[in-house]
PDB file of N, CA and C in Angstrom:
ATOM      1  N   MET A   1       1.101  -1.277  -0.209  1.00  0.00           N
ATOM      2  CA  MET A   1      -0.256  -0.344  -0.294  1.00  0.00           C
ATOM      3  C   MET A   1       0.634   1.321   0.153  1.00  0.00           C
ATOM      4  N   ASP A   2       0.560   1.901  -0.913  1.00  0.00           N
ATOM      5  CA  ASP A   2       1.275   3.354  -0.660  1.00  0.00           C
ATOM      6  C   ASP A   2       0.990   4.368   0.278  1.00  0.00           C
ATOM      7  N   ASP A   3       2.235   4.953   0.501  1.00  0.00           N
ATOM      8  CA  ASP A   3       1.934   6.204   1.015  1.00  0.00           C
ATOM      9  C   ASP A   3       1.398   7.134   1.315  1.00  0.00           C
ATOM     10  N   ILE A   4       0.240   7.873   1.359  1.00  0.00           N
ATOM     11  CA  ILE A   4      -0.113   8.656   0.863  1.00  0.00           C
ATOM     12  C   ILE A   4      -0.741   9.954   1.644  1.00  0.00           C
ATOM     13  N   ILE A   5      -0.286  11.675   1.276  1.00  0.00           N
ATOM     14  CA  ILE A   5      -0.051  12.464   2.578  1.00  0.00           C
ATOM     15  C   ILE A   5      -1.082  13.144   1.320  1.00  0.00           C
ATOM     16  N   ILE A   6      -1.941  13.651   2.057  1.00  0.00           N
ATOM     17  CA  ILE A   6      -2.751  15.184   1.580  1.00  0.00           C
ATOM     18  C   ILE A   6      -2.152  16.077   1.695  1.00  0.00           C
ATOM     19  N   LEU A   7      -1.750  17.833   0.689  1.00  0.00           N
ATOM     20  CA  LEU A   7      -1.431  18.677   1.272  1.00  0.00           C
ATOM     21  C   LEU A   7      -1.898  19.319   0.625  1.00  0.00           C
ATOM     22  N   VAL A   8      -2.008  20.530   1.468  1.00  0.00           N
ATOM     23  CA  VAL A   8      -2.685  21.610   1.807  1.00  0.00           C
ATOM     24  C   VAL A   8      -2.243  23.138   1.229  1.00  0.00           C
ATOM     25  N   ASP A   9      -2.554  23.917  -0.381  1.00  0.00           N
ATOM     26  CA  ASP A   9      -1.795  25.001  -0.074  1.00  0.00           C
ATOM     27  C   ASP A   9      -2.332  26.335   0.581  1.00  0.00           C
ATOM     28  N   GLU A  10      -1.738  27.284   0.225  1.00  0.00           N
ATOM     29  CA  GLU A  10      -2.539  28.742   0.559  1.00  0.00           C
ATOM     30  C   GLU A  10      -3.338  29.400   0.412  1.00  0.00           C
ATOM     31  N   ASN A  11      -3.950  28.225  -1.152  1.00  0.00           N
ATOM     32  CA  ASN A  11      -5.084  28.457  -1.514  1.00  0.00           C
ATOM     33  C   ASN A  11      -6.792  27.705  -0.943  1.00  0.00           C
ATOM     34  N   GLY A  12      -6.058  26.186   0.069  1.00  0.00           N
ATOM     35  CA  GLY A  12      -6.827  25.893   0.101  1.00  0.00           C
ATOM     36  C   GLY A  12      -6.905  24.842  -0.061  1.00  0.00           C
ATOM     37  N   GLN A  13      -6.243  24.462  -1.760  1.00  0.00           N
ATOM     38  CA  GLN A  13      -6.421  23.339  -2.976  1.00  0.00           C
ATOM     39  C   GLN A  13      -5.505  21.932  -1.983  1.00  0.00           C
ATOM     40  N   GLU A  14      -6.341  20.625  -2.286  1.00  0.00           N
ATOM     41  CA  GLU A  14      -5.671  19.606  -1.796  1.00  0.00           C
ATOM     42  C   GLU A  14      -4.539  18.661  -2.923  1.00  0.00           C
ATOM     43  N   GLN A  15      -4.259  18.635  -2.863  1.00  0.00           N
ATOM     44  CA  GLN A  15      -2.897  17.867  -3.347  1.00  0.00           C
ATOM     45  C   GLN A  15      -2.850  16.604  -2.758  1.00  0.00           C
ATOM     46  N   GLU A  16      -2.445  15.417  -3.592  1.00  0.00           N
ATOM     47  CA  GLU A  16      -2.552  14.218  -3.485  1.00  0.00           C
ATOM     48  C   GLU A  16      -1.117  13.707  -3.840  1.00  0.00           C
ATOM     49  N   TYR A  17      -0.012  13.506  -3.146  1.00  0.00           N
ATOM     50  CA  TYR A  17       1.129  13.272  -3.373  1.00  0.00           C
ATOM     51  C   TYR A  17       1.025  11.790  -2.579  1.00  0.00           C
ATOM     52  N   GLU A  18       2.300  10.534  -3.385  1.00  0.00           N
ATOM     53  CA  GLU A  18       2.924   9.902  -2.355  1.00  0.00           C
ATOM     54  C   GLU A  18       4.105   9.985  -1.719  1.00  0.00           C
ATOM     55  N   LEU A  19       4.296   9.203  -0.630  1.00  0.00           N
ATOM     56  CA  LEU A  19       5.533   9.396   0.240  1.00  0.00           C
ATOM     57  C   LEU A  19       6.202   8.610   0.154  1.00  0.00           C
ATOM     58  N   LEU A  20       7.656   8.612  -0.892  1.00  0.00           N
ATOM     59  CA  LEU A  20       8.461   7.969  -1.214  1.00  0.00           C
ATOM     60  C   LEU A  20       9.601   7.733  -0.296  1.00  0.00           C
ATOM     61  N   ASP A  21      10.114   8.327   0.487  1.00  0.00           N
ATOM     62  CA  ASP A  21      11.196   8.513   1.259  1.00  0.00           C
ATOM     63  C   ASP A  21      10.875   9.640   2.333  1.00  0.00           C
ATOM     64  N   THR A  22      11.783   8.810   3.541  1.00  0.00           N
ATOM     65  CA  THR A  22      12.081  10.293   4.588  1.00  0.00           C
ATOM     66  C   THR A  22      13.563   9.789   4.632  1.00  0.00           C
ATOM     67  N   ILE A  23      14.214  11.322   4.743  1.00  0.00           N
ATOM     68  CA  ILE A  23      15.363  11.413   4.633  1.00  0.00           C
ATOM     69  C   ILE A  23      16.101  12.135   5.764  1.00  0.00           C
ATOM     70  N   GLU A  24      16.843  11.938   6.342  1.00  0.00           N
ATOM     71  CA  GLU A  24      17.916  12.458   8.332  1.00  0.00           C
ATOM     72  C   GLU A  24      18.811  12.845   6.821  1.00  0.00           C
ATOM     73  N   TYR A  25      18.700  14.218   7.803  1.00  0.00           N
ATOM     74  CA  TYR A  25      20.371  14.857   6.972  1.00  0.00           C
ATOM     75  C   TYR A  25      20.535  16.169   8.022  1.00  0.00           C
ATOM     76  N   GLU A  26      21.402  16.321   8.338  1.00  0.00           N
ATOM     77  CA  GLU A  26      22.162  17.196   9.446  1.00  0.00           C
ATOM     78  C   GLU A  26      20.974  17.394  10.743  1.00  0.00           C
ATOM     79  N   GLY A  27      20.661  16.818  10.958  1.00  0.00           N
ATOM     80  CA  GLY A  27      19.434  16.396  12.536  1.00  0.00           C
ATOM     81  C   GLY A  27      18.112  16.731  12.228  1.00  0.00           C
ATOM     82  N   GLU A  28      18.434  16.947  10.508  1.00  0.00           N
ATOM     83  CA  GLU A  28      16.587  17.309  10.549  1.00  0.00           C
ATOM     84  C   GLU A  28      16.079  15.956   9.675  1.00  0.00           C
ATOM     85  N   ARG A  29      14.736  15.859   9.285  1.00  0.00           N
ATOM     86  CA  ARG A  29      13.707  15.629   8.547  1.00  0.00           C
ATOM     87  C   ARG A  29      13.446  16.048   7.651  1.00  0.00           C
ATOM     88  N   TYR A  30      13.355  14.848   6.215  1.00  0.00           N
ATOM     89  CA  TYR A  30      12.868  15.736   5.143  1.00  0.00           C
ATOM     90  C   TYR A  30      11.869  14.271   4.555  1.00  0.00           C
ATOM     91  N   VAL A  31      11.283  14.578   3.848  1.00  0.00           N
ATOM     92  CA  VAL A  31      10.110  14.124   2.899  1.00  0.00           C
ATOM     93  C   VAL A  31      10.286  14.145   1.853  1.00  0.00           C
ATOM     94  N   VAL A  32      10.463  12.746   0.915  1.00  0.00           N
ATOM     95  CA  VAL A  32      10.240  12.982  -0.488  1.00  0.00           C
ATOM     96  C   VAL A  32       9.148  12.670  -1.130  1.00  0.00           C
ATOM     97  N   LEU A  33       8.473  13.514  -1.678  1.00  0.00           N
ATOM     98  CA  LEU A  33       6.842  13.144  -2.505  1.00  0.00           C
ATOM     99  C   LEU A  33       6.744  13.111  -3.785  1.00  0.00           C
ATOM    100  N   ILE A  34       5.951  12.932  -4.283  1.00  0.00           N
ATOM    101  CA  ILE A  34       5.748  12.495  -6.011  1.00  0.00           C
ATOM    102  C   ILE A  34       4.268  12.357  -5.965  1.00  0.00           C
ATOM    103  N   ARG A  35       3.440  13.450  -6.754  1.00  0.00           N
ATOM    104  CA  ARG A  35       2.516  13.472  -7.297  1.00  0.00           C
ATOM    105  C   ARG A  35       2.534  12.372  -8.750  1.00  0.00           C
ATOM    106  N   ASP A  36       1.336  12.062  -8.359  1.00  0.00           N
ATOM    107  CA  ASP A  36       0.471  10.926  -9.560  1.00  0.00           C
ATOM    108  C   ASP A  36       1.362  11.761 -11.632  1.00  0.00           C
ATOM    109  N   ASP A  37       0.699  12.755 -11.203  1.00  0.00           N
ATOM    110  CA  ASP A  37       0.678  13.392 -13.243  1.00  0.00           C
ATOM    111  C   ASP A  37       2.082  13.958 -13.565  1.00  0.00           C
ATOM    112  N   GLU A  38       3.141  13.630 -12.557  1.00  0.00           N
ATOM    113  CA  GLU A  38       4.710  14.520 -12.528  1.00  0.00           C
ATOM    114  C   GLU A  38       5.559  13.477 -12.481  1.00  0.00           C
ATOM    115  N   GLU A  39       6.551  13.834 -13.419  1.00  0.00           N
ATOM    116  CA  GLU A  39       8.200  13.187 -13.122  1.00  0.00           C
ATOM    117  C   GLU A  39       8.817  13.536 -12.125  1.00  0.00           C
ATOM    118  N   THR A  40       8.696  14.732 -11.464  1.00  0.00           N
ATOM    119  CA  THR A  40      10.059  15.364  -9.981  1.00  0.00           C
ATOM    120  C   THR A  40       9.019  14.856  -9.068  1.00  0.00           C
ATOM    121  N   VAL A  41      10.204  15.292  -8.129  1.00  0.00           N
ATOM    122  CA  VAL A  41      10.052  14.855  -6.165  1.00  0.00           C
ATOM    123  C   VAL A  41       9.893  16.038  -6.185  1.00  0.00           C
ATOM    124  N   ASP A  42       9.708  16.278  -5.431  1.00  0.00           N
ATOM    125  CA  ASP A  42       9.651  17.626  -3.796  1.00  0.00           C
ATOM    126  C   ASP A  42       9.616  16.963  -3.251  1.00  0.00           C
ATOM    127  N   ILE A  43      11.016  17.530  -2.650  1.00  0.00           N
ATOM    128  CA  ILE A  43      11.424  17.383  -0.912  1.00  0.00           C
ATOM    129  C   ILE A  43      11.309  18.684   0.277  1.00  0.00           C
ATOM    130  N   LEU A  44      10.178  18.608   1.538  1.00  0.00           N
ATOM    131  CA  LEU A  44      10.185  19.404   2.176  1.00  0.00           C
ATOM    132  C   LEU A  44      10.945  18.481   3.334  1.00  0.00           C
ATOM    133  N   LYS A  45      10.493  20.111   4.057  1.00  0.00           N
ATOM    134  CA  LYS A  45      11.897  19.824   5.541  1.00  0.00           C
ATOM    135  C   LYS A  45       9.684  19.776   6.153  1.00  0.00           C
ATOM    136  N   VAL A  46      10.315  19.134   8.001  1.00  0.00           N
ATOM    137  CA  VAL A  46       9.592  17.942   8.869  1.00  0.00           C
ATOM    138  C   VAL A  46       9.078  18.989   9.428  1.00  0.00           C
ATOM    139  N   GLU A  47       8.282  19.745   9.499  1.00  0.00           N
ATOM    140  CA  GLU A  47       8.989  21.205  10.693  1.00  0.00           C
ATOM    141  C   GLU A  47       8.624  20.709  12.269  1.00  0.00           C
ATOM    142  N   SER A  48       6.917  19.877  12.454  1.00  0.00           N
ATOM    143  CA  SER A  48       6.511  19.468  13.185  1.00  0.00           C
ATOM    144  C   SER A  48       5.541  18.435  12.736  1.00  0.00           C
ATOM    145  N   GLU A  49       5.457  17.673  14.152  1.00  0.00           N
ATOM    146  CA  GLU A  49       4.664  16.016  13.731  1.00  0.00           C
ATOM    147  C   GLU A  49       3.862  16.035  15.355  1.00  0.00           C
ATOM    148  N   GLU A  50       2.425  16.496  14.840  1.00  0.00           N
ATOM    149  CA  GLU A  50       1.826  16.169  16.206  1.00  0.00           C
ATOM    150  C   GLU A  50       0.399  15.061  15.477  1.00  0.00           C
ATOM    151  N   ASP A  51      -0.219  13.714  16.597  1.00  0.00           N
ATOM    152  CA  ASP A  51      -0.301  13.080  16.021  1.00  0.00           C
ATOM    153  C   ASP A  51      -0.342  12.477  14.505  1.00  0.00           C
ATOM    154  N   GLU A  52      -1.092  11.969  13.918  1.00  0.00           N
ATOM    155  CA  GLU A  52      -1.015  11.681  12.492  1.00  0.00           C
ATOM    156  C   GLU A  52      -1.016  13.151  11.443  1.00  0.00           C
ATOM    157  N   GLU A  53      -0.257  14.992  11.250  1.00  0.00           N
ATOM    158  CA  GLU A  53      -0.328  15.365  10.825  1.00  0.00           C
ATOM    159  C   GLU A  53       1.256  16.341  10.573  1.00  0.00           C
ATOM    160  N   LEU A  54       1.679  16.286  10.079  1.00  0.00           N
ATOM    161  CA  LEU A  54       2.858  16.537   9.702  1.00  0.00           C
ATOM    162  C   LEU A  54       2.883  18.131   9.482  1.00  0.00           C
ATOM    163  N   SER A  55       3.916  18.756   9.882  1.00  0.00           N
ATOM    164  CA  SER A  55       3.844  20.459   9.178  1.00  0.00           C
ATOM    165  C   SER A  55       4.887  20.161   8.488  1.00  0.00           C
ATOM    166  N   LEU A  56       5.076  21.394   7.138  1.00  0.00           N
ATOM    167  CA  LEU A  56       5.763  20.474   6.588  1.00  0.00           C
ATOM    168  C   LEU A  56       6.546  21.943   5.395  1.00  0.00           C
ATOM    169  N   VAL A  57       7.344  22.432   5.303  1.00  0.00           N
ATOM    170  CA  VAL A  57       8.048  23.622   4.561  1.00  0.00           C
ATOM    171  C   VAL A  57       8.935  23.364   3.429  1.00  0.00           C
ATOM    172  N   THR A  58       9.302  24.243   3.071  1.00  0.00           N
ATOM    173  CA  THR A  58       9.626  24.538   1.752  1.00  0.00           C
ATOM    174  C   THR A  58      11.516  24.479   2.936  1.00  0.00           C
ATOM    175  N   CYS A  59      12.649  24.580   1.540  1.00  0.00           N
ATOM    176  CA  CYS A  59      14.385  23.884   2.102  1.00  0.00           C
ATOM    177  C   CYS A  59      15.232  24.274   0.723  1.00  0.00           C
ATOM    178  N   GLU A  60      15.580  25.826   1.260  1.00  0.00           N
ATOM    179  CA  GLU A  60      16.640  26.311   0.423  1.00  0.00           C
ATOM    180  C   GLU A  60      17.480  24.931  -0.307  1.00  0.00           C
ATOM    181  N   ASP A  61      17.927  25.992  -1.873  1.00  0.00           N
ATOM    182  CA  ASP A  61      17.507  24.668  -3.059  1.00  0.00           C
ATOM    183  C   ASP A  61      18.969  24.217  -2.755  1.00  0.00           C
ATOM    184  N   ASP A  62      20.193  24.350  -1.640  1.00  0.00           N
ATOM    185  CA  ASP A  62      21.036  23.297  -1.469  1.00  0.00           C
ATOM    186  C   ASP A  62      20.841  21.970  -0.598  1.00  0.00           C
ATOM    187  N   VAL A  63      19.943  22.613   0.359  1.00  0.00           N
ATOM    188  CA  VAL A  63      19.308  21.498   0.698  1.00  0.00           C
ATOM    189  C   VAL A  63      18.997  20.196   0.169  1.00  0.00           C
ATOM    190  N   VAL A  64      18.275  21.092  -0.804  1.00  0.00           N
ATOM    191  CA  VAL A  64      17.053  20.194  -1.557  1.00  0.00           C
ATOM    192  C   VAL A  64      17.804  19.087  -2.214  1.00  0.00           C
ATOM    193  N   GLU A  65      18.740  19.732  -2.679  1.00  0.00           N
ATOM    194  CA  GLU A  65      20.122  18.506  -3.994  1.00  0.00           C
ATOM    195  C   GLU A  65      20.410  17.818  -2.771  1.00  0.00           C
ATOM    196  N   GLU A  66      21.176  18.093  -1.803  1.00  0.00           N
ATOM    197  CA  GLU A  66      21.622  17.479  -0.900  1.00  0.00           C
ATOM    198  C   GLU A  66      20.866  15.836  -0.510  1.00  0.00           C
ATOM    199  N   VAL A  67      19.210  16.392  -0.136  1.00  0.00           N
ATOM    200  CA  VAL A  67      18.992  15.601   0.420  1.00  0.00           C
ATOM    201  C   VAL A  67      18.327  14.669  -0.787  1.00  0.00           C
ATOM    202  N   TYR A  68      18.621  14.995  -1.789  1.00  0.00           N
ATOM    203  CA  TYR A  68      17.922  14.348  -3.340  1.00  0.00           C
ATOM    204  C   TYR A  68      19.145  13.557  -3.700  1.00  0.00           C
ATOM    205  N   HIS A  69      20.334  13.805  -3.050  1.00  0.00           N
ATOM    206  CA  HIS A  69      21.221  13.261  -3.910  1.00  0.00           C
ATOM    207  C   HIS A  69      21.410  11.448  -2.512  1.00  0.00           C
ATOM    208  N   ILE A  70      21.442  11.854  -1.188  1.00  0.00           N
ATOM    209  CA  ILE A  70      20.960  10.971  -0.671  1.00  0.00           C
ATOM    210  C   ILE A  70      20.011  10.314  -0.742  1.00  0.00           C
ATOM    211  N   PHE A  71      18.759  10.366  -1.136  1.00  0.00           N
ATOM    212  CA  PHE A  71      17.633   9.948  -1.822  1.00  0.00           C
ATOM    213  C   PHE A  71      17.787   8.687  -2.798  1.00  0.00           C
ATOM    214  N   LYS A  72      18.302   9.258  -3.834  1.00  0.00           N
ATOM    215  CA  LYS A  72      19.184   8.902  -4.713  1.00  0.00           C
ATOM    216  C   LYS A  72      19.815   7.608  -4.912  1.00  0.00           C
ATOM    217  N   GLU A  73      20.930   8.086  -3.518  1.00  0.00           N
ATOM    218  CA  GLU A  73      21.954   6.660  -3.338  1.00  0.00           C
ATOM    219  C   GLU A  73      21.128   5.411  -2.282  1.00  0.00           C
ATOM    220  N   LYS A  74      20.270   6.042  -2.013  1.00  0.00           N
ATOM    221  CA  LYS A  74      19.604   5.183  -1.063  1.00  0.00           C
ATOM    222  C   LYS A  74      18.694   3.830  -1.984  1.00  0.00           C
ATOM    223  N   ASN A  75      18.411   4.949  -2.548  1.00  0.00           N
ATOM    224  CA  ASN A  75      17.097   4.018  -3.937  1.00  0.00           C
ATOM    225  C   ASN A  75      17.309   3.953  -5.353  1.00  0.00           C
ATOM    226  N   THR A  76      19.150   3.066  -5.368  1.00  0.00           N
ATOM    227  CA  THR A  76      18.991   3.351  -6.793  1.00  0.00           C
ATOM    228  C   THR A  76      18.662   1.678  -7.592  1.00  0.00           C
ATOM    229  N   GLU A  77      18.633   0.936  -6.593  1.00  0.00           N
ATOM    230  CA  GLU A  77      17.694  -0.478  -6.954  1.00  0.00           C
ATOM    231  C   GLU A  77      15.953   0.058  -6.811  1.00  0.00           C
ATOM    232  N   ASN A  78      15.934   1.046  -6.311  1.00  0.00           N
ATOM    233  CA  ASN A  78      14.210   0.982  -6.772  1.00  0.00           C
ATOM    234  C   ASN A  78      12.865   2.012  -7.499  1.00  0.00           C
ATOM    235  N   PHE A  79      14.349   2.948  -7.821  1.00  0.00           N
ATOM    236  CA  PHE A  79      13.880   3.389  -8.860  1.00  0.00           C
ATOM    237  C   PHE A  79      14.564   3.556  -9.920  1.00  0.00           C
ATOM    238  N   ASP A  80      14.194   4.431 -11.181  1.00  0.00           N
ATOM    239  CA  ASP A  80      15.425   4.821 -12.503  1.00  0.00           C
ATOM    240  C   ASP A  80      14.748   6.119 -12.234  1.00  0.00           C
ATOM    241  N   PHE A  81      16.453   6.361 -12.379  1.00  0.00           N
ATOM    242  CA  PHE A  81      16.914   7.920 -12.560  1.00  0.00           C
ATOM    243  C   PHE A  81      17.766   8.547 -13.623  1.00  0.00           C
ATOM    244  N   ASP A  82      16.563   9.637 -14.242  1.00  0.00           N
ATOM    245  CA  ASP A  82      16.789   9.542 -15.328  1.00  0.00           C
ATOM    246  C   ASP A  82      18.738  11.060 -15.673  1.00  0.00           C
ATOM    247  N   ASP A  83      18.767  11.870 -14.771  1.00  0.00           N
ATOM    248  CA  ASP A  83      19.989  12.622 -14.180  1.00  0.00           C
ATOM    249  C   ASP A  83      21.348  12.004 -13.375  1.00  0.00           C
TER     250      ASP A  83
END
């Protein structure tokens, strides 16, 4: 069963994402998400977690690159990477 996360944007619109992985980097937790209709992943920082609700925030481009690199190394056998 896929791990599905529903994110609500600033306009109140819900978007459904599949949780591909959780990555620890420099003492912080990040989630790697993808939408069904997209080919690229989104990486967000876990700001807080209460009950089953996550608070996620965007992060700096250099952090996104590092977390993506870790994700690729960890998942080379699970996914085909084009880059």
